[in-house]
């Protein structure tokens, strides 16, 4: 609930106080975490009838979230996954990710700090991790963190080295203390697995390649070559190590990996001017729309990427284009990139549209951010 939607407050509170919300008729409406430093002043935990928020409450909420992921847990070939997806699992401003026996708890609101005394034991009792690392959003005020710091161990000790985990049987490393997000981009897992079924013998261009999620799956799927483009040399070094973790697989060992440190837009433009073509082009950029005012600019960026992307796809090849901008809805994204492909003279045939995987559920419209299209370009 935003600050401007609150009609009155009985008294001043501090971060993490439980706020009881009443409707216009003075009837109980909800209970929420109070966050005076955020425009989203109330993080609603429960609505309907009154409930007691204590360790048992957190245990039940955690157990329900883990149960939703049980089909993924049961597969056994995947040990990297999201266990709590913030508001979508009834725990707004909190994310819990699993990397094998290591957990990462990331807080986006200081309102959670007073509740860690109950929440951490509840997590330990349910999941029995070797360690759990705390990660903090940069926007959190230091004065509300009770001395907690980025990378602190809430259970066990913080790992000195990246943690190895499995994704569809492939090994990856996650820097759970210093890496982006919580150490790995878990949400693209199923898209990466699907890609691996479409790349046998292909020359692949992986743009915004980051730590090599798509690159490794492409190699494992039989790609002859992967050109991985990213502006960060350190993340491409991680991609190389992730390939090395799977070098025992013949397909990965046979794949030629060529990292390119460059801005993706500039590199695509350079490749187009040189007349280069690839069998598969993957475009997985960061979010382009942090605010509502950014939407038109973001759609323009997606159109530009499509225009360049289809020019780089060999006839009959595959373009994979993704968006993680929550402000850009799926309908606008798909319409924009399809029009851009047509304007470039390469109208495509969609093979599949995808959204959120099982461990990133969406329980309210604004919670949807991930969308992707797999398209054959004639």
Protein backbone atom coordinates (compact mmCIF):
# COMPACT_ATOMS: atom_id res chain seq x y z
CA UNK A 1 0.00 0.00 0.00
CA UNK A 2 1.46 3.35 -1.05
CA UNK A 3 1.85 6.17 1.45
CA UNK A 4 -0.73 8.34 -0.32
CA UNK A 5 -3.40 5.65 0.06
CA UNK A 6 -3.26 5.80 3.86
CA UNK A 7 -5.94 8.07 5.32
CA UNK A 8 -4.55 8.24 8.86
CA UNK A 9 -2.03 6.63 11.20
CA UNK A 10 -2.69 6.14 14.92
CA UNK A 11 0.92 6.85 15.91
CA UNK A 12 4.41 6.96 14.47
CA UNK A 13 6.04 3.60 13.86
CA UNK A 14 9.46 2.20 13.02
CA UNK A 15 10.60 -0.17 10.29
CA UNK A 16 9.18 -3.64 10.85
CA UNK A 17 6.31 -2.69 13.11
CA UNK A 18 3.16 -4.69 12.42
CA UNK A 19 0.50 -2.34 11.07
CA UNK A 20 -3.15 -3.29 11.40
CA UNK A 21 -5.11 -1.87 8.48
CA UNK A 22 -8.77 -0.90 8.85
CA UNK A 23 -11.16 -0.03 6.04
CA UNK A 24 -13.40 3.05 5.86
CA UNK A 25 -15.94 1.30 8.13
CA UNK A 26 -13.26 0.65 10.78
CA UNK A 27 -13.32 -3.08 10.08
CA UNK A 28 -10.14 -5.17 9.98
CA UNK A 29 -8.76 -5.30 6.44
CA UNK A 30 -5.15 -6.52 6.66
CA UNK A 31 -1.94 -6.77 8.63
CA UNK A 32 1.26 -5.44 7.10
CA UNK A 33 4.89 -4.61 7.74
CA UNK A 34 5.41 -0.88 8.25
CA UNK A 35 8.25 0.71 6.25
CA UNK A 36 8.50 4.47 6.89
CA UNK A 37 11.41 4.88 4.43
CA UNK A 38 9.52 3.49 1.45
CA UNK A 39 6.73 5.03 -0.68
CA UNK A 40 5.21 1.53 -0.44
CA UNK A 41 4.57 2.25 3.21
CA UNK A 42 2.77 -1.01 4.04
CA UNK A 43 3.90 -4.46 2.90
CA UNK A 44 0.71 -6.51 3.25
CA UNK A 45 1.22 -9.95 4.78
CA UNK A 46 -2.37 -11.09 5.23
CA UNK A 47 -5.87 -9.84 4.56
CA UNK A 48 -9.34 -11.04 5.48
CA UNK A 49 -9.63 -12.14 9.09
CA UNK A 50 -7.16 -11.25 11.88
CA UNK A 51 -4.17 -13.56 12.30
CA UNK A 52 -1.23 -13.77 14.70
CA UNK A 53 2.11 -13.00 13.05
CA UNK A 54 4.74 -15.04 14.89
CA UNK A 55 7.29 -17.77 14.18
CA UNK A 56 4.51 -20.25 13.43
CA UNK A 57 3.09 -17.80 10.87
CA UNK A 58 6.47 -17.52 9.11
CA UNK A 59 6.94 -21.30 9.22
CA UNK A 60 3.58 -21.85 7.53
CA UNK A 61 4.28 -19.18 4.92
CA UNK A 62 7.69 -20.68 4.11
CA UNK A 63 6.35 -24.23 3.95
CA UNK A 64 3.65 -23.16 1.50
CA UNK A 65 6.22 -21.45 -0.73
CA UNK A 66 8.52 -24.48 -0.76
CA UNK A 67 5.59 -26.81 -1.47
CA UNK A 68 4.84 -24.83 -4.65
CA UNK A 69 8.36 -25.68 -5.86
CA UNK A 70 8.17 -29.37 -4.97
CA UNK A 71 7.95 -30.60 -8.60
CA UNK A 72 11.20 -28.75 -9.30
CA UNK A 73 12.84 -30.06 -6.13
CA UNK A 74 11.79 -33.62 -6.95
CA UNK A 75 13.46 -33.58 -10.36
CA UNK A 76 16.87 -33.87 -8.74
CA UNK A 77 18.86 -32.43 -11.67
CA UNK A 78 18.33 -28.84 -10.52
CA UNK A 79 19.64 -27.50 -7.21
CA UNK A 80 19.46 -23.78 -8.02
CA UNK A 81 16.01 -22.23 -7.58
CA UNK A 82 14.00 -19.47 -5.96
CA UNK A 83 12.19 -20.62 -2.83
CA UNK A 84 10.44 -17.35 -1.93
CA UNK A 85 9.50 -14.84 -4.60
CA UNK A 86 8.61 -11.80 -2.54
CA UNK A 87 5.05 -10.52 -2.77
CA UNK A 88 4.07 -13.43 -4.98
CA UNK A 89 4.64 -15.80 -2.06
CA UNK A 90 3.09 -13.48 0.52
CA UNK A 91 6.45 -12.15 1.76
CA UNK A 92 6.78 -8.70 0.15
CA UNK A 93 10.28 -7.28 -0.11
CA UNK A 94 12.04 -10.60 0.56
CA UNK A 95 13.63 -13.17 -1.73
CA UNK A 96 15.07 -16.55 -0.74
CA UNK A 97 17.19 -18.42 -3.29
CA UNK A 98 18.78 -21.84 -3.04
CA UNK A 99 22.15 -22.86 -4.50
CA UNK A 100 22.65 -26.50 -3.52
CA UNK A 101 23.18 -26.43 0.31
CA UNK A 102 23.60 -22.64 0.44
CA UNK A 103 20.72 -20.20 0.77
CA UNK A 104 20.70 -16.49 -0.02
CA UNK A 105 18.22 -14.23 1.75
CA UNK A 106 17.87 -10.87 0.02
CA UNK A 107 15.98 -8.01 1.64
CA UNK A 108 14.46 -5.14 -0.29
CA UNK A 109 12.92 -3.57 2.82
CA UNK A 110 14.35 -2.84 6.26
CA UNK A 111 10.94 -3.81 7.65
CA UNK A 112 12.15 -7.43 7.65
CA UNK A 113 15.08 -6.84 10.00
CA UNK A 114 13.14 -7.09 13.31
CA UNK A 115 11.55 -10.34 12.12
CA UNK A 116 14.78 -12.16 11.30
CA UNK A 117 14.91 -13.48 14.87
CA UNK A 118 11.85 -15.60 14.04
CA UNK A 119 12.35 -16.01 10.32
CA UNK A 120 15.91 -17.37 10.32
CA UNK A 121 15.17 -20.24 12.75
CA UNK A 122 12.05 -21.07 10.74
CA UNK A 123 14.16 -21.31 7.56
CA UNK A 124 16.81 -23.39 9.31
CA UNK A 125 14.25 -25.81 10.72
CA UNK A 126 12.53 -26.30 7.36
CA UNK A 127 15.51 -26.41 4.97
CA UNK A 128 18.61 -27.27 7.05
CA UNK A 129 21.12 -25.37 4.87
CA UNK A 130 24.88 -25.44 5.40
CA UNK A 131 24.87 -21.67 5.26
CA UNK A 132 22.60 -18.71 4.53
CA UNK A 133 24.01 -15.44 3.24
CA UNK A 134 22.35 -12.06 3.66
CA UNK A 135 22.12 -9.74 0.66
CA UNK A 136 20.73 -6.23 0.90
CA UNK A 137 19.19 -3.88 -1.64
CA UNK A 138 21.33 -0.78 -2.11
CA UNK A 139 18.41 1.46 -1.25
CA UNK A 140 18.12 0.24 2.36
CA UNK A 141 19.03 2.83 5.01
CA UNK A 142 22.02 1.63 7.05
CA UNK A 143 20.52 2.99 10.26
CA UNK A 144 17.59 0.56 10.04
CA UNK A 145 19.71 -2.59 9.59
CA UNK A 146 20.68 -3.20 13.24
CA UNK A 147 24.33 -3.57 12.27
CA UNK A 148 23.70 -6.15 9.55
CA UNK A 149 25.90 -5.90 6.47
CA UNK A 150 25.96 -7.25 2.93
CA UNK A 151 27.34 -10.79 2.86
CA UNK A 152 26.78 -11.56 6.54
CA UNK A 153 26.15 -15.22 7.37
CA UNK A 154 22.78 -15.71 9.06
CA UNK A 155 23.36 -19.47 9.25
CA UNK A 156 26.80 -21.12 9.15
CA UNK A 157 29.58 -19.12 7.48
CA UNK A 158 29.64 -17.13 4.25
CA UNK A 159 31.39 -19.09 1.46
CA UNK A 160 34.88 -17.89 0.52
CA UNK A 161 34.44 -19.16 -3.05
CA UNK A 162 31.58 -19.39 -5.54
CA UNK A 163 29.03 -22.10 -4.80
CA UNK A 164 28.46 -24.85 -7.37
CA UNK A 165 24.90 -25.91 -8.19
CA UNK A 166 23.01 -27.77 -10.91
CA UNK A 167 20.63 -26.47 -13.55
CA UNK A 168 19.06 -29.26 -15.64
CA UNK A 169 22.14 -31.36 -14.88
CA UNK A 170 24.62 -28.66 -15.89
CA UNK A 171 27.00 -27.21 -13.29
CA UNK A 172 27.18 -23.47 -12.64
CA UNK A 173 28.87 -21.33 -10.04
CA UNK A 174 27.22 -18.55 -8.06
CA UNK A 175 29.05 -15.84 -6.17
CA UNK A 176 26.44 -15.60 -3.45
CA UNK A 177 28.31 -12.89 -1.54
CA UNK A 178 29.25 -10.43 -4.31
CA UNK A 179 27.48 -11.59 -7.48
CA UNK A 180 24.62 -9.84 -9.23
CA UNK A 181 21.16 -10.41 -7.74
CA UNK A 182 21.80 -13.38 -5.44
CA UNK A 183 24.59 -14.87 -7.56
CA UNK A 184 22.83 -16.13 -10.70
CA UNK A 185 19.86 -15.27 -12.92
CA UNK A 186 17.63 -18.18 -11.97
CA UNK A 187 14.50 -17.02 -13.78
CA UNK A 188 15.74 -17.91 -17.29
CA UNK A 189 16.41 -21.55 -16.44
CA UNK A 190 13.57 -23.08 -18.50
CA UNK A 191 14.24 -20.82 -21.49
CA UNK A 192 17.87 -21.91 -21.45
CA UNK A 193 16.85 -25.56 -21.33
CA UNK A 194 14.47 -25.13 -24.27
CA UNK A 195 17.17 -23.36 -26.26
CA UNK A 196 19.47 -26.35 -25.82
CA UNK A 197 17.06 -28.47 -27.86
CA UNK A 198 17.28 -26.11 -30.86
CA UNK A 199 21.00 -25.48 -31.39
CA UNK A 200 22.64 -28.71 -32.57
CA UNK A 201 25.50 -27.76 -34.90
CA UNK A 202 24.58 -24.06 -34.79
CA UNK A 203 26.68 -20.90 -34.69
CA UNK A 204 25.22 -18.96 -31.75
CA UNK A 205 25.43 -15.28 -30.85
CA UNK A 206 24.65 -14.71 -27.15
CA UNK A 207 24.09 -11.00 -26.46
CA UNK A 208 24.09 -9.58 -22.92
CA UNK A 209 25.63 -12.95 -22.13
CA UNK A 210 26.49 -12.18 -18.48
CA UNK A 211 27.81 -15.30 -16.70
CA UNK A 212 26.93 -17.63 -19.56
CA UNK A 213 23.60 -19.19 -18.71
CA UNK A 214 22.46 -19.39 -22.33
CA UNK A 215 26.03 -19.98 -23.53
CA UNK A 216 26.51 -23.13 -21.44
CA UNK A 217 23.13 -24.58 -22.39
CA UNK A 218 23.83 -23.86 -26.06
CA UNK A 219 27.17 -25.64 -25.83
CA UNK A 220 25.60 -28.62 -24.05
CA UNK A 221 22.93 -28.72 -26.77
CA UNK A 222 25.55 -29.24 -29.46
CA UNK A 223 26.27 -25.71 -30.70
CA UNK A 224 29.41 -25.62 -32.81
CA UNK A 225 30.33 -22.10 -31.71
CA UNK A 226 29.10 -19.50 -29.23
CA UNK A 227 30.07 -15.85 -29.51
CA UNK A 228 29.24 -14.32 -26.11
CA UNK A 229 28.95 -10.53 -25.94
CA UNK A 230 28.87 -8.55 -22.70
CA UNK A 231 30.15 -5.20 -21.51
CA UNK A 232 31.68 -6.80 -18.40
CA UNK A 233 34.89 -8.74 -18.79
CA UNK A 234 34.61 -10.30 -15.29
CA UNK A 235 31.18 -11.78 -16.04
CA UNK A 236 32.46 -13.28 -19.28
CA UNK A 237 35.29 -14.82 -17.26
CA UNK A 238 32.63 -16.47 -15.09
CA UNK A 239 30.96 -17.74 -18.28
CA UNK A 240 34.24 -19.34 -19.28
CA UNK A 241 34.51 -21.01 -15.87
CA UNK A 242 30.92 -22.24 -16.14
CA UNK A 243 31.81 -23.86 -19.45
CA UNK A 244 34.84 -25.41 -17.78
CA UNK A 245 32.62 -26.90 -15.05
CA UNK A 246 30.90 -28.88 -17.81
CA UNK A 247 33.90 -29.66 -20.00
CA UNK A 248 33.51 -33.36 -19.23
CA UNK A 249 30.53 -33.33 -21.58
CA UNK A 250 31.68 -34.03 -25.16
CA UNK A 251 29.35 -31.41 -26.65
CA UNK A 252 30.67 -28.69 -24.34
CA UNK A 253 34.29 -29.69 -24.98
CA UNK A 254 33.72 -29.50 -28.74
CA UNK A 255 32.05 -26.07 -28.69
CA UNK A 256 34.21 -23.07 -29.60
CA UNK A 257 33.68 -20.20 -27.15
CA UNK A 258 34.53 -16.68 -28.23
CA UNK A 259 33.94 -13.92 -25.64
CA UNK A 260 33.61 -10.32 -26.84
CA UNK A 261 33.77 -7.44 -24.36
CA UNK A 262 31.63 -4.71 -25.90
CA UNK A 263 28.31 -2.92 -25.65
CA UNK A 264 25.74 -5.23 -27.25
CA UNK A 265 24.18 -2.52 -29.43
CA UNK A 266 27.57 -1.47 -30.78
CA UNK A 267 28.70 -5.03 -31.35
CA UNK A 268 25.49 -5.93 -33.18
CA UNK A 269 25.85 -2.86 -35.40
CA UNK A 270 29.47 -3.81 -36.13
CA UNK A 271 28.52 -7.38 -37.01
CA UNK A 272 25.68 -6.21 -39.28
CA UNK A 273 28.05 -3.88 -41.16
CA UNK A 274 30.46 -6.79 -41.62
CA UNK A 275 27.68 -8.98 -42.99
CA UNK A 276 27.98 -11.63 -40.27
CA UNK A 277 25.24 -14.24 -39.86
CA UNK A 278 24.43 -16.69 -37.09
CA UNK A 279 22.10 -19.67 -36.90
CA UNK A 280 20.83 -18.56 -33.48
CA UNK A 281 20.80 -15.07 -31.95
CA UNK A 282 19.89 -14.64 -28.25
CA UNK A 283 19.01 -11.19 -26.90
CA UNK A 284 18.52 -11.10 -23.12
CA UNK A 285 19.05 -7.48 -22.01
CA UNK A 286 18.72 -5.96 -18.53
CA UNK A 287 15.59 -4.05 -17.59
CA UNK A 288 15.08 -0.95 -19.71
CA UNK A 289 12.15 0.48 -17.76
CA UNK A 290 12.63 1.21 -14.07
CA UNK A 291 9.87 3.85 -14.10
CA UNK A 292 6.65 4.42 -16.00
CA UNK A 293 8.30 7.28 -17.88
CA UNK A 294 10.81 4.78 -19.31
CA UNK A 295 8.27 2.59 -21.12
CA UNK A 296 8.39 4.25 -24.55
CA UNK A 297 12.18 4.39 -24.47
CA UNK A 298 12.29 0.72 -23.49
CA UNK A 299 9.98 -0.31 -26.34
CA UNK A 300 12.21 1.65 -28.71
CA UNK A 301 15.25 -0.24 -27.40
CA UNK A 302 13.53 -3.60 -27.90
CA UNK A 303 12.58 -2.59 -31.46
CA UNK A 304 16.18 -1.57 -32.18
CA UNK A 305 17.49 -4.87 -30.82
CA UNK A 306 15.02 -6.79 -32.98
CA UNK A 307 15.97 -4.82 -36.07
CA UNK A 308 19.65 -5.62 -35.55
CA UNK A 309 18.95 -9.16 -34.38
CA UNK A 310 16.98 -10.33 -37.42
CA UNK A 311 19.68 -8.90 -39.69
CA UNK A 312 22.18 -11.17 -37.95
CA UNK A 313 20.09 -14.34 -38.23
CA UNK A 314 20.84 -16.60 -41.18
CA UNK A 315 17.82 -17.58 -43.31
CA UNK A 316 15.81 -20.18 -41.42
CA UNK A 317 17.65 -19.36 -38.21
CA UNK A 318 16.33 -18.67 -34.73
CA UNK A 319 15.95 -15.43 -32.78
CA UNK A 320 15.37 -15.54 -29.02
CA UNK A 321 14.37 -12.19 -27.53
CA UNK A 322 13.64 -11.56 -23.87
CA UNK A 323 12.44 -8.79 -21.59
CA UNK A 324 12.69 -8.49 -17.82
CA UNK A 325 11.08 -5.02 -17.64
CA UNK A 326 8.01 -5.25 -15.43
CA UNK A 327 6.77 -1.87 -16.66
CA UNK A 328 6.52 -3.27 -20.20
CA UNK A 329 3.59 -5.67 -20.42
CA UNK A 330 3.81 -8.84 -22.48
CA UNK A 331 1.32 -7.69 -25.14
CA UNK A 332 3.26 -4.48 -25.82
CA UNK A 333 6.58 -6.30 -25.90
CA UNK A 334 5.47 -9.01 -28.33
CA UNK A 335 3.68 -6.55 -30.61
CA UNK A 336 6.70 -4.24 -30.68
CA UNK A 337 9.30 -6.87 -31.55
CA UNK A 338 7.07 -8.55 -34.15
CA UNK A 339 6.49 -5.20 -35.90
CA UNK A 340 10.20 -4.44 -35.82
CA UNK A 341 11.02 -7.78 -37.45
CA UNK A 342 8.45 -7.14 -40.19
CA UNK A 343 9.77 -3.61 -40.83
CA UNK A 344 13.26 -5.05 -41.22
CA UNK A 345 11.92 -7.33 -43.95
CA UNK A 346 12.30 -10.47 -41.83
CA UNK A 347 8.81 -11.27 -40.46
CA UNK A 348 9.16 -14.28 -38.24
CA UNK A 349 7.27 -17.42 -37.31
CA UNK A 350 6.82 -17.71 -33.57
CA UNK A 351 7.74 -21.07 -32.11
CA UNK A 352 7.00 -20.30 -28.48
CA UNK A 353 6.21 -17.49 -26.07
CA UNK A 354 7.30 -18.00 -22.50
CA UNK A 355 6.78 -16.32 -19.15
CA UNK A 356 7.62 -17.10 -15.55
CA UNK A 357 8.96 -20.49 -14.44
CA UNK A 358 7.50 -22.50 -11.57
CA UNK A 359 9.77 -21.00 -8.91
CA UNK A 360 8.98 -17.40 -9.92
CA UNK A 361 5.17 -17.45 -9.54
CA UNK A 362 3.05 -14.38 -10.26
CA UNK A 363 0.12 -13.68 -7.93
CA UNK A 364 -0.74 -10.13 -9.05
CA UNK A 365 -0.50 -8.38 -12.46
CA UNK A 366 2.34 -6.03 -11.52
CA UNK A 367 4.42 -9.02 -10.42
CA UNK A 368 4.81 -10.25 -14.01
CA UNK A 369 8.06 -9.10 -15.59
CA UNK A 370 9.63 -11.94 -17.58
CA UNK A 371 8.63 -12.69 -21.17
CA UNK A 372 10.46 -14.18 -24.14
CA UNK A 373 9.78 -15.21 -27.71
CA UNK A 374 11.46 -17.95 -29.73
CA UNK A 375 10.98 -17.21 -33.44
CA UNK A 376 12.11 -18.74 -36.71
CA UNK A 377 13.37 -16.09 -39.16
CA UNK A 378 12.90 -16.99 -42.85
